[in-house]
Amino acid sequence: MWHRGDRAKARDLFDLCAVADREPAAIAEAAPRFLKHGAAFLAGLQHRAEIARREFDEIDVLGAARSFERCLDQARSIIQPLLDRAGRAAIAPSHGAGRPRSE
């Protein structure tokens, strides 16, 4: 997320959640870095959720599989509180994670 955080990728989401599950101390250590691109990361995944979900589902996983929605929720629970504490704008899921809008 540090180098291309403003261009959200499904693999970055997967990796963030895998690290959060296996090495929570690493997430706490990296937390200040999430402020640089955290809002763009979440917004990008939300904006292109349909494509990101397909990319996410194609990730070759060893061990227990996780869903795109679970990981997106987990990423929000990690990043959004940091943004809130820093006074950054909240990213609210307005239409659900990638569900088609009825416009």
Protein backbone atom coordinates (compact mmCIF):
# COMPACT_ATOMS: atom_id res chain seq x y z
CA MET A 1 0.00 0.00 0.00
CA TRP A 2 2.92 2.35 0.57
CA HIS A 3 4.12 2.52 -3.04
CA ARG A 4 0.89 2.17 -5.00
CA GLY A 5 -1.70 2.75 -2.31
CA ASP A 6 -3.67 5.16 -4.41
CA ARG A 7 -4.14 2.36 -6.98
CA ALA A 8 -5.97 -0.29 -4.96
CA LYS A 9 -5.28 -3.86 -6.01
CA ALA A 10 -7.06 -7.00 -4.85
CA ARG A 11 -3.71 -8.60 -3.99
CA ASP A 12 -2.85 -5.69 -1.69
CA LEU A 13 -6.16 -6.18 0.10
CA PHE A 14 -5.49 -9.90 0.46
CA ASP A 15 -1.97 -9.28 1.76
CA LEU A 16 -3.14 -6.66 4.26
CA CYS A 17 -5.68 -9.08 5.72
CA ALA A 18 -3.25 -12.01 5.76
CA VAL A 19 -0.73 -9.93 7.70
CA ALA A 20 -3.44 -8.65 10.04
CA ASP A 21 -4.50 -12.22 10.80
CA ARG A 22 -1.01 -13.69 11.19
CA GLU A 23 1.09 -10.76 12.44
CA PRO A 24 -1.13 -8.11 14.06
CA ALA A 25 1.93 -6.38 15.56
CA ALA A 26 3.16 -5.66 12.02
CA ILE A 27 -0.12 -3.88 11.27
CA ALA A 28 0.28 -1.72 14.36
CA GLU A 29 3.84 -0.92 13.33
CA ALA A 30 2.77 0.03 9.79
CA ALA A 31 -0.32 1.98 10.88
CA PRO A 32 1.22 5.45 10.39
CA ARG A 33 1.95 4.57 6.76
CA PHE A 34 -1.72 3.86 6.11
CA LEU A 35 -2.47 7.55 6.53
CA LYS A 36 -0.74 8.42 3.25
CA HIS A 37 -2.96 6.31 0.98
CA GLY A 38 -5.51 4.67 3.27
CA ALA A 39 -8.50 6.72 2.13
CA ALA A 40 -7.60 6.27 -1.55
CA PHE A 41 -7.02 2.55 -1.01
CA LEU A 42 -10.45 2.01 0.53
CA ALA A 43 -12.20 4.28 -1.96
CA GLY A 44 -10.48 2.59 -4.89
CA LEU A 45 -11.52 -0.86 -3.75
CA GLN A 46 -15.05 0.37 -3.20
CA HIS A 47 -15.20 2.10 -6.57
CA ARG A 48 -13.93 -0.88 -8.52
CA ALA A 49 -15.26 -3.58 -6.22
CA GLU A 50 -16.74 -5.73 -8.96
CA ILE A 51 -13.41 -6.00 -10.78
CA ALA A 52 -11.44 -6.25 -7.54
CA ARG A 53 -13.72 -9.07 -6.34
CA ARG A 54 -13.02 -11.06 -9.51
CA GLU A 55 -9.27 -10.45 -9.16
CA PHE A 56 -9.47 -11.37 -5.48
CA ASP A 57 -11.27 -14.64 -6.25
CA GLU A 58 -8.49 -15.58 -8.68
CA ILE A 59 -5.74 -15.34 -6.05
CA ASP A 60 -4.14 -18.73 -5.52
CA VAL A 61 -4.54 -19.31 -1.78
CA LEU A 62 -2.76 -21.79 0.43
CA GLY A 63 -4.84 -22.64 3.47
CA ALA A 64 -8.18 -21.15 4.39
CA ALA A 65 -9.78 -18.95 1.76
CA ARG A 66 -11.23 -15.62 2.74
CA SER A 67 -13.90 -13.62 0.96
CA PHE A 68 -13.43 -10.25 -0.69
CA GLU A 69 -16.19 -8.78 1.49
CA ARG A 70 -14.61 -10.07 4.71
CA CYS A 71 -11.24 -8.63 3.74
CA LEU A 72 -12.70 -5.30 2.67
CA ASP A 73 -14.52 -5.06 6.01
CA GLN A 74 -11.30 -6.01 7.80
CA ALA A 75 -9.32 -3.38 5.87
CA ARG A 76 -11.92 -0.75 6.78
CA SER A 77 -11.68 -1.77 10.45
CA ILE A 78 -7.90 -1.32 10.32
CA ILE A 79 -7.61 1.85 8.24
CA GLN A 80 -10.73 3.90 8.96
CA PRO A 81 -10.10 4.39 12.70
CA LEU A 82 -6.62 5.70 11.86
CA LEU A 83 -8.09 8.13 9.35
CA ASP A 84 -10.76 9.19 11.84
CA ARG A 85 -8.16 9.89 14.53
CA ALA A 86 -6.15 11.94 12.02
CA GLY A 87 -9.26 13.91 11.08
CA ARG A 88 -9.49 12.52 7.56
CA ALA A 89 -12.83 12.07 5.82
CA ALA A 90 -14.64 8.83 6.49
CA ILE A 91 -15.12 6.28 3.73
CA ALA A 92 -18.58 4.84 4.12
CA PRO A 93 -19.79 1.92 2.02
CA SER A 94 -22.61 3.72 0.25
CA HIS A 95 -23.86 0.89 -1.94
CA GLY A 96 -22.30 -2.20 -0.40
CA ALA A 97 -19.05 -3.69 -1.56
CA GLY A 98 -19.42 -3.58 -5.29
CA ARG A 99 -23.09 -4.23 -5.57
CA PRO A 100 -24.42 -2.62 -8.71
CA ARG A 101 -26.01 0.75 -8.21
CA SER A 102 -29.52 1.32 -9.41
CA GLU A 103 -29.28 4.69 -11.14
